[in-house]
Amino acid sequence: MRTLLSLAALALLPLLPAGCASPRSDHLPAEGALGPYSAAVSAGDLVFLSGKIGKRGVAFPEEVGTAIDAVEKDLAALGISLADVVSVSVFVTDMELYPQLNAVYAERFPKPYPARTTVGVAALPGTARVEIQAVAARRR
């Protein structure tokens, strides 16, 4: 799935404004990751975050909140915030948890909300029930 998302992100590069098509040098390494990827990579004014999972073994709302905390932490390391997020992809292992996901999401992401896709999946790494991936835009 991450490979597909990475390929989709690369496909967007030609759509960036002139002068922004080459990736910026800033990225965040994915320390302790289960695979070879960066936690975040910038391309022009866009910042692509890899999927973040939250604390496992807790109530689902807390798991969602800690996943959003991980997104927020990586954004802050690049000098941006949840208010700069323009698109979010959420992967959840049980769509019956969707109302709980929405409740936490609505509390954490500022209005106007980013575009969002939510996909039900069979499994996620490390017994996670939710994974959140985001794209942010640097404001000029």
N, C-alpha and C. Protein backbone atom coordinates (compact mmCIF):
# COMPACT_ATOMS: atom_id res chain seq x y z
N MET A 1 0.82 -1.19 0.00
CA MET A 1 0.00 0.00 0.00
C MET A 1 0.87 1.25 0.00
N ARG A 2 1.94 1.27 0.81
CA ARG A 2 2.81 2.45 0.85
C ARG A 2 3.45 2.69 -0.50
N THR A 3 3.79 1.59 -1.21
CA THR A 3 4.38 1.74 -2.53
C THR A 3 3.40 2.44 -3.46
N LEU A 4 2.12 2.04 -3.40
CA LEU A 4 1.12 2.69 -4.24
C LEU A 4 0.98 4.17 -3.91
N LEU A 5 0.99 4.48 -2.61
CA LEU A 5 0.89 5.89 -2.21
C LEU A 5 2.11 6.67 -2.67
N SER A 6 3.29 6.07 -2.57
CA SER A 6 4.51 6.74 -3.02
C SER A 6 4.46 6.99 -4.51
N LEU A 7 4.00 6.00 -5.26
CA LEU A 7 3.88 6.18 -6.70
C LEU A 7 2.86 7.26 -7.04
N ALA A 8 1.77 7.30 -6.29
CA ALA A 8 0.76 8.33 -6.52
C ALA A 8 1.35 9.71 -6.24
N ALA A 9 2.14 9.83 -5.18
CA ALA A 9 2.78 11.11 -4.85
C ALA A 9 3.73 11.53 -5.96
N LEU A 10 4.50 10.60 -6.48
CA LEU A 10 5.42 10.92 -7.58
C LEU A 10 4.66 11.34 -8.82
N ALA A 11 3.50 10.76 -9.05
CA ALA A 11 2.71 11.12 -10.21
C ALA A 11 2.23 12.57 -10.13
N LEU A 12 2.12 13.11 -8.91
CA LEU A 12 1.68 14.50 -8.73
C LEU A 12 2.77 15.52 -9.02
N LEU A 13 4.04 15.12 -9.01
CA LEU A 13 5.13 16.07 -9.20
C LEU A 13 5.00 16.90 -10.48
N PRO A 14 4.63 16.30 -11.63
CA PRO A 14 4.49 17.12 -12.83
C PRO A 14 3.38 18.17 -12.72
N LEU A 15 2.46 18.02 -11.75
CA LEU A 15 1.36 18.95 -11.60
C LEU A 15 1.72 20.16 -10.75
N LEU A 16 2.90 20.14 -10.13
CA LEU A 16 3.32 21.26 -9.31
C LEU A 16 3.64 22.47 -10.17
N PRO A 17 3.53 23.67 -9.62
CA PRO A 17 3.86 24.87 -10.38
C PRO A 17 5.31 24.83 -10.87
N ALA A 18 5.57 25.54 -11.97
CA ALA A 18 6.93 25.60 -12.52
C ALA A 18 7.91 26.02 -11.43
N GLY A 19 9.06 25.39 -11.42
CA GLY A 19 10.08 25.70 -10.42
C GLY A 19 9.94 24.91 -9.14
N CYS A 20 8.84 24.14 -9.00
CA CYS A 20 8.62 23.36 -7.78
C CYS A 20 8.71 21.86 -8.03
N ALA A 21 8.99 21.44 -9.25
CA ALA A 21 8.91 20.03 -9.58
C ALA A 21 10.01 19.19 -8.96
N SER A 22 11.14 19.78 -8.62
CA SER A 22 12.19 18.94 -8.04
C SER A 22 12.00 18.88 -6.53
N PRO A 23 12.16 17.70 -5.95
CA PRO A 23 11.95 17.56 -4.51
C PRO A 23 12.90 18.43 -3.70
N ARG A 24 12.41 18.97 -2.61
CA ARG A 24 13.26 19.73 -1.70
C ARG A 24 14.13 18.74 -0.95
N SER A 25 15.19 19.23 -0.39
CA SER A 25 16.11 18.34 0.30
C SER A 25 15.62 17.97 1.69
N ASP A 26 14.64 18.70 2.24
CA ASP A 26 14.22 18.37 3.60
C ASP A 26 13.30 17.15 3.62
N HIS A 27 13.63 16.28 4.52
CA HIS A 27 12.84 15.08 4.76
C HIS A 27 13.10 14.66 6.20
N LEU A 28 12.23 13.81 6.70
CA LEU A 28 12.43 13.25 8.03
C LEU A 28 12.69 11.77 7.90
N PRO A 29 13.76 11.29 8.51
CA PRO A 29 13.98 9.84 8.47
C PRO A 29 12.93 9.13 9.33
N ALA A 30 12.59 7.92 8.96
CA ALA A 30 11.62 7.13 9.72
C ALA A 30 12.38 6.24 10.69
N GLU A 31 12.75 6.81 11.82
CA GLU A 31 13.51 6.09 12.83
C GLU A 31 12.71 4.90 13.35
N GLY A 32 13.32 3.73 13.36
CA GLY A 32 12.67 2.54 13.89
C GLY A 32 11.53 2.02 13.04
N ALA A 33 11.44 2.44 11.80
CA ALA A 33 10.34 2.02 10.92
C ALA A 33 10.46 0.54 10.59
N LEU A 34 9.33 -0.04 10.21
CA LEU A 34 9.29 -1.45 9.83
C LEU A 34 9.70 -1.66 8.37
N GLY A 35 10.12 -0.62 7.69
CA GLY A 35 10.51 -0.73 6.29
C GLY A 35 11.38 0.43 5.87
N PRO A 36 11.91 0.39 4.65
CA PRO A 36 12.79 1.45 4.15
C PRO A 36 11.99 2.61 3.54
N TYR A 37 11.72 3.62 4.32
CA TYR A 37 11.01 4.79 3.81
C TYR A 37 11.30 5.98 4.72
N SER A 38 11.00 7.17 4.21
CA SER A 38 11.14 8.40 5.01
C SER A 38 9.82 8.68 5.71
N ALA A 39 9.89 9.32 6.85
CA ALA A 39 8.68 9.71 7.57
C ALA A 39 7.96 10.84 6.84
N ALA A 40 8.73 11.72 6.19
CA ALA A 40 8.15 12.84 5.44
C ALA A 40 9.15 13.28 4.38
N VAL A 41 8.62 13.70 3.25
CA VAL A 41 9.44 14.20 2.15
C VAL A 41 8.74 15.42 1.57
N SER A 42 9.52 16.46 1.29
CA SER A 42 8.96 17.66 0.67
C SER A 42 9.22 17.65 -0.82
N ALA A 43 8.24 18.16 -1.56
CA ALA A 43 8.37 18.37 -3.00
C ALA A 43 7.76 19.74 -3.28
N GLY A 44 8.61 20.71 -3.53
CA GLY A 44 8.12 22.07 -3.68
C GLY A 44 7.48 22.51 -2.38
N ASP A 45 6.27 23.03 -2.46
CA ASP A 45 5.56 23.50 -1.27
C ASP A 45 4.73 22.40 -0.61
N LEU A 46 4.76 21.19 -1.18
CA LEU A 46 4.00 20.09 -0.61
C LEU A 46 4.87 19.22 0.28
N VAL A 47 4.29 18.74 1.36
CA VAL A 47 4.97 17.83 2.28
C VAL A 47 4.14 16.56 2.36
N PHE A 48 4.75 15.43 2.02
CA PHE A 48 4.08 14.14 2.02
C PHE A 48 4.53 13.37 3.25
N LEU A 49 3.59 13.06 4.13
CA LEU A 49 3.89 12.27 5.32
C LEU A 49 3.52 10.82 5.08
N SER A 50 4.40 9.92 5.50
CA SER A 50 4.08 8.50 5.48
C SER A 50 3.01 8.23 6.53
N GLY A 51 2.37 7.08 6.43
CA GLY A 51 1.33 6.73 7.38
C GLY A 51 1.86 6.64 8.80
N LYS A 52 1.06 7.12 9.73
CA LYS A 52 1.41 7.10 11.16
C LYS A 52 0.39 6.24 11.89
N ILE A 53 0.90 5.40 12.77
CA ILE A 53 0.02 4.62 13.63
C ILE A 53 0.18 5.13 15.05
N GLY A 54 -0.84 4.90 15.85
CA GLY A 54 -0.82 5.37 17.23
C GLY A 54 -0.49 4.26 18.21
N LYS A 55 -0.70 4.55 19.43
CA LYS A 55 -0.46 3.60 20.52
C LYS A 55 -1.44 2.44 20.39
N ARG A 56 -0.92 1.23 20.51
CA ARG A 56 -1.77 0.06 20.43
C ARG A 56 -2.11 -0.46 21.82
N GLY A 57 -3.19 -1.23 21.90
CA GLY A 57 -3.60 -1.80 23.18
C GLY A 57 -4.39 -0.84 24.06
N VAL A 58 -4.88 0.24 23.47
CA VAL A 58 -5.67 1.24 24.20
C VAL A 58 -7.03 1.35 23.53
N ALA A 59 -7.94 2.11 24.12
CA ALA A 59 -9.23 2.36 23.50
C ALA A 59 -9.03 3.00 22.13
N PHE A 60 -9.92 2.71 21.20
CA PHE A 60 -9.75 3.19 19.83
C PHE A 60 -9.62 4.71 19.74
N PRO A 61 -10.43 5.51 20.44
CA PRO A 61 -10.24 6.96 20.34
C PRO A 61 -8.83 7.41 20.74
N GLU A 62 -8.25 6.77 21.73
CA GLU A 62 -6.88 7.12 22.12
C GLU A 62 -5.89 6.70 21.03
N GLU A 63 -6.13 5.57 20.40
CA GLU A 63 -5.25 5.13 19.32
C GLU A 63 -5.29 6.14 18.17
N VAL A 64 -6.48 6.61 17.82
CA VAL A 64 -6.61 7.63 16.77
C VAL A 64 -5.89 8.91 17.20
N GLY A 65 -6.11 9.34 18.43
CA GLY A 65 -5.48 10.56 18.93
C GLY A 65 -3.97 10.50 18.90
N THR A 66 -3.40 9.36 19.27
CA THR A 66 -1.95 9.25 19.26
C THR A 66 -1.40 9.12 17.84
N ALA A 67 -2.19 8.60 16.91
CA ALA A 67 -1.78 8.61 15.50
C ALA A 67 -1.75 10.05 14.98
N ILE A 68 -2.75 10.84 15.34
CA ILE A 68 -2.77 12.25 14.96
C ILE A 68 -1.62 12.99 15.63
N ASP A 69 -1.31 12.64 16.89
CA ASP A 69 -0.15 13.23 17.57
C ASP A 69 1.12 13.00 16.75
N ALA A 70 1.28 11.77 16.20
CA ALA A 70 2.47 11.44 15.41
C ALA A 70 2.52 12.27 14.13
N VAL A 71 1.35 12.47 13.49
CA VAL A 71 1.29 13.33 12.31
C VAL A 71 1.71 14.75 12.69
N GLU A 72 1.13 15.24 13.77
CA GLU A 72 1.40 16.61 14.23
C GLU A 72 2.88 16.80 14.58
N LYS A 73 3.49 15.81 15.21
CA LYS A 73 4.91 15.89 15.59
C LYS A 73 5.80 16.02 14.35
N ASP A 74 5.54 15.20 13.32
CA ASP A 74 6.35 15.28 12.11
C ASP A 74 6.13 16.60 11.38
N LEU A 75 4.91 17.08 11.34
CA LEU A 75 4.64 18.38 10.72
C LEU A 75 5.39 19.49 11.45
N ALA A 76 5.35 19.47 12.77
CA ALA A 76 6.03 20.49 13.57
C ALA A 76 7.54 20.47 13.32
N ALA A 77 8.10 19.29 13.14
CA ALA A 77 9.53 19.19 12.87
C ALA A 77 9.90 19.87 11.56
N LEU A 78 8.93 20.04 10.68
CA LEU A 78 9.16 20.71 9.39
C LEU A 78 8.60 22.14 9.39
N GLY A 79 8.19 22.62 10.54
CA GLY A 79 7.73 24.00 10.67
C GLY A 79 6.31 24.25 10.19
N ILE A 80 5.48 23.22 10.16
CA ILE A 80 4.09 23.37 9.74
C ILE A 80 3.17 22.69 10.75
N SER A 81 1.86 22.76 10.54
CA SER A 81 0.91 22.24 11.53
C SER A 81 -0.26 21.54 10.86
N LEU A 82 -1.16 21.03 11.69
CA LEU A 82 -2.37 20.39 11.16
C LEU A 82 -3.19 21.36 10.31
N ALA A 83 -3.09 22.65 10.57
CA ALA A 83 -3.83 23.64 9.78
C ALA A 83 -3.32 23.70 8.34
N ASP A 84 -2.12 23.18 8.08
CA ASP A 84 -1.54 23.18 6.74
C ASP A 84 -1.86 21.91 5.95
N VAL A 85 -2.50 20.95 6.59
CA VAL A 85 -2.83 19.68 5.93
C VAL A 85 -3.95 19.92 4.92
N VAL A 86 -3.73 19.45 3.70
CA VAL A 86 -4.73 19.62 2.63
C VAL A 86 -5.42 18.31 2.25
N SER A 87 -4.80 17.18 2.60
CA SER A 87 -5.37 15.88 2.24
C SER A 87 -4.94 14.84 3.27
N VAL A 88 -5.88 13.97 3.62
CA VAL A 88 -5.62 12.90 4.59
C VAL A 88 -6.17 11.60 4.04
N SER A 89 -5.40 10.54 4.20
CA SER A 89 -5.88 9.19 3.92
C SER A 89 -5.85 8.43 5.23
N VAL A 90 -6.98 7.81 5.56
CA VAL A 90 -7.11 7.05 6.80
C VAL A 90 -7.40 5.60 6.44
N PHE A 91 -6.65 4.70 7.06
CA PHE A 91 -6.85 3.27 6.85
C PHE A 91 -7.29 2.70 8.19
N VAL A 92 -8.40 1.98 8.19
CA VAL A 92 -8.97 1.46 9.43
C VAL A 92 -9.36 0.00 9.23
N THR A 93 -9.08 -0.82 10.24
CA THR A 93 -9.32 -2.26 10.12
C THR A 93 -10.75 -2.67 10.41
N ASP A 94 -11.56 -1.77 10.96
CA ASP A 94 -12.95 -2.09 11.28
C ASP A 94 -13.80 -0.85 11.03
N MET A 95 -14.59 -0.87 9.97
CA MET A 95 -15.38 0.32 9.61
C MET A 95 -16.46 0.62 10.63
N GLU A 96 -16.74 -0.30 11.54
CA GLU A 96 -17.70 0.00 12.61
C GLU A 96 -17.12 1.01 13.60
N LEU A 97 -15.80 1.22 13.54
CA LEU A 97 -15.14 2.22 14.38
C LEU A 97 -15.19 3.62 13.75
N TYR A 98 -15.76 3.73 12.56
CA TYR A 98 -15.81 4.98 11.81
C TYR A 98 -16.38 6.16 12.63
N PRO A 99 -17.50 5.99 13.36
CA PRO A 99 -17.99 7.13 14.15
C PRO A 99 -17.00 7.61 15.20
N GLN A 100 -16.29 6.68 15.85
CA GLN A 100 -15.28 7.08 16.84
C GLN A 100 -14.12 7.80 16.17
N LEU A 101 -13.72 7.31 15.00
CA LEU A 101 -12.67 7.96 14.22
C LEU A 101 -13.07 9.40 13.91
N ASN A 102 -14.28 9.58 13.41
CA ASN A 102 -14.76 10.92 13.05
C ASN A 102 -14.79 11.86 14.24
N ALA A 103 -15.19 11.36 15.41
CA ALA A 103 -15.28 12.22 16.59
C ALA A 103 -13.90 12.78 16.97
N VAL A 104 -12.89 11.92 16.99
CA VAL A 104 -11.55 12.37 17.36
C VAL A 104 -10.98 13.27 16.26
N TYR A 105 -11.16 12.87 15.01
CA TYR A 105 -10.66 13.63 13.86
C TYR A 105 -11.22 15.06 13.88
N ALA A 106 -12.53 15.19 14.11
CA ALA A 106 -13.18 16.51 14.11
C ALA A 106 -12.67 17.40 15.22
N GLU A 107 -12.26 16.80 16.34
CA GLU A 107 -11.71 17.59 17.45
C GLU A 107 -10.29 18.08 17.17
N ARG A 108 -9.54 17.33 16.39
CA ARG A 108 -8.12 17.61 16.21
C ARG A 108 -7.78 18.41 14.96
N PHE A 109 -8.45 18.13 13.86
CA PHE A 109 -8.14 18.87 12.62
C PHE A 109 -9.00 20.12 12.57
N PRO A 110 -8.37 21.26 12.28
CA PRO A 110 -9.13 22.51 12.23
C PRO A 110 -9.98 22.63 10.97
N LYS A 111 -11.07 23.39 11.09
CA LYS A 111 -11.91 23.71 9.93
C LYS A 111 -11.22 24.78 9.12
N PRO A 112 -11.40 24.85 7.83
CA PRO A 112 -12.10 23.85 7.04
C PRO A 112 -11.28 22.58 6.98
N TYR A 113 -11.94 21.45 7.14
CA TYR A 113 -11.24 20.17 7.18
C TYR A 113 -10.53 19.88 5.87
N PRO A 114 -9.42 19.15 5.94
CA PRO A 114 -8.74 18.73 4.71
C PRO A 114 -9.61 17.73 3.94
N ALA A 115 -9.32 17.57 2.67
CA ALA A 115 -9.95 16.49 1.90
C ALA A 115 -9.55 15.18 2.59
N ARG A 116 -10.44 14.18 2.54
CA ARG A 116 -10.12 12.94 3.24
C ARG A 116 -10.70 11.73 2.53
N THR A 117 -9.92 10.66 2.57
CA THR A 117 -10.37 9.36 2.11
C THR A 117 -10.19 8.40 3.27
N THR A 118 -11.20 7.58 3.53
CA THR A 118 -11.09 6.55 4.56
C THR A 118 -11.32 5.20 3.90
N VAL A 119 -10.39 4.28 4.15
CA VAL A 119 -10.41 2.98 3.50
C VAL A 119 -10.40 1.89 4.56
N GLY A 120 -11.30 0.93 4.44
CA GLY A 120 -11.28 -0.25 5.30
C GLY A 120 -10.26 -1.24 4.77
N VAL A 121 -9.39 -1.73 5.65
CA VAL A 121 -8.34 -2.66 5.26
C VAL A 121 -8.39 -3.89 6.16
N ALA A 122 -7.79 -4.98 5.69
CA ALA A 122 -7.79 -6.23 6.45
C ALA A 122 -6.85 -6.17 7.65
N ALA A 123 -5.71 -5.52 7.49
CA ALA A 123 -4.72 -5.48 8.57
C ALA A 123 -3.77 -4.32 8.36
N LEU A 124 -3.14 -3.90 9.47
CA LEU A 124 -2.13 -2.85 9.45
C LEU A 124 -0.92 -3.34 10.24
N PRO A 125 0.24 -2.70 10.07
CA PRO A 125 1.45 -3.15 10.79
C PRO A 125 1.27 -3.09 12.31
N GLY A 126 1.90 -4.03 12.98
CA GLY A 126 1.96 -3.99 14.44
C GLY A 126 0.63 -4.03 15.15
N THR A 127 -0.36 -4.68 14.63
CA THR A 127 -1.71 -4.80 15.20
C THR A 127 -2.45 -3.47 15.32
N ALA A 128 -1.98 -2.45 14.62
CA ALA A 128 -2.68 -1.16 14.63
C ALA A 128 -4.06 -1.33 14.01
N ARG A 129 -5.01 -0.51 14.48
CA ARG A 129 -6.36 -0.51 13.91
C ARG A 129 -6.58 0.70 13.01
N VAL A 130 -5.66 1.67 13.08
CA VAL A 130 -5.80 2.87 12.25
C VAL A 130 -4.41 3.36 11.84
N GLU A 131 -4.32 3.87 10.62
CA GLU A 131 -3.09 4.50 10.12
C GLU A 131 -3.52 5.76 9.39
N ILE A 132 -2.80 6.85 9.63
CA ILE A 132 -3.16 8.14 9.05
C ILE A 132 -1.99 8.69 8.26
N GLN A 133 -2.24 8.99 6.99
CA GLN A 133 -1.25 9.56 6.07
C GLN A 133 -1.75 10.94 5.68
N ALA A 134 -0.85 11.90 5.50
CA ALA A 134 -1.27 13.26 5.20
C ALA A 134 -0.36 13.94 4.18
N VAL A 135 -0.94 14.91 3.51
CA VAL A 135 -0.20 15.81 2.62
C VAL A 135 -0.49 17.23 3.12
N ALA A 136 0.56 18.00 3.31
CA ALA A 136 0.42 19.38 3.76
C ALA A 136 1.01 20.32 2.73
N ALA A 137 0.57 21.56 2.76
CA ALA A 137 1.08 22.60 1.85
C ALA A 137 1.69 23.71 2.70
N ARG A 138 2.93 24.05 2.35
CA ARG A 138 3.57 25.18 3.04
C ARG A 138 2.90 26.46 2.56
N ARG A 139 2.57 27.31 3.50
CA ARG A 139 1.92 28.60 3.18
C ARG A 139 3.01 29.60 2.83
N ARG A 140 2.73 30.45 1.88
CA ARG A 140 3.71 31.49 1.48
C ARG A 140 3.38 32.77 2.17
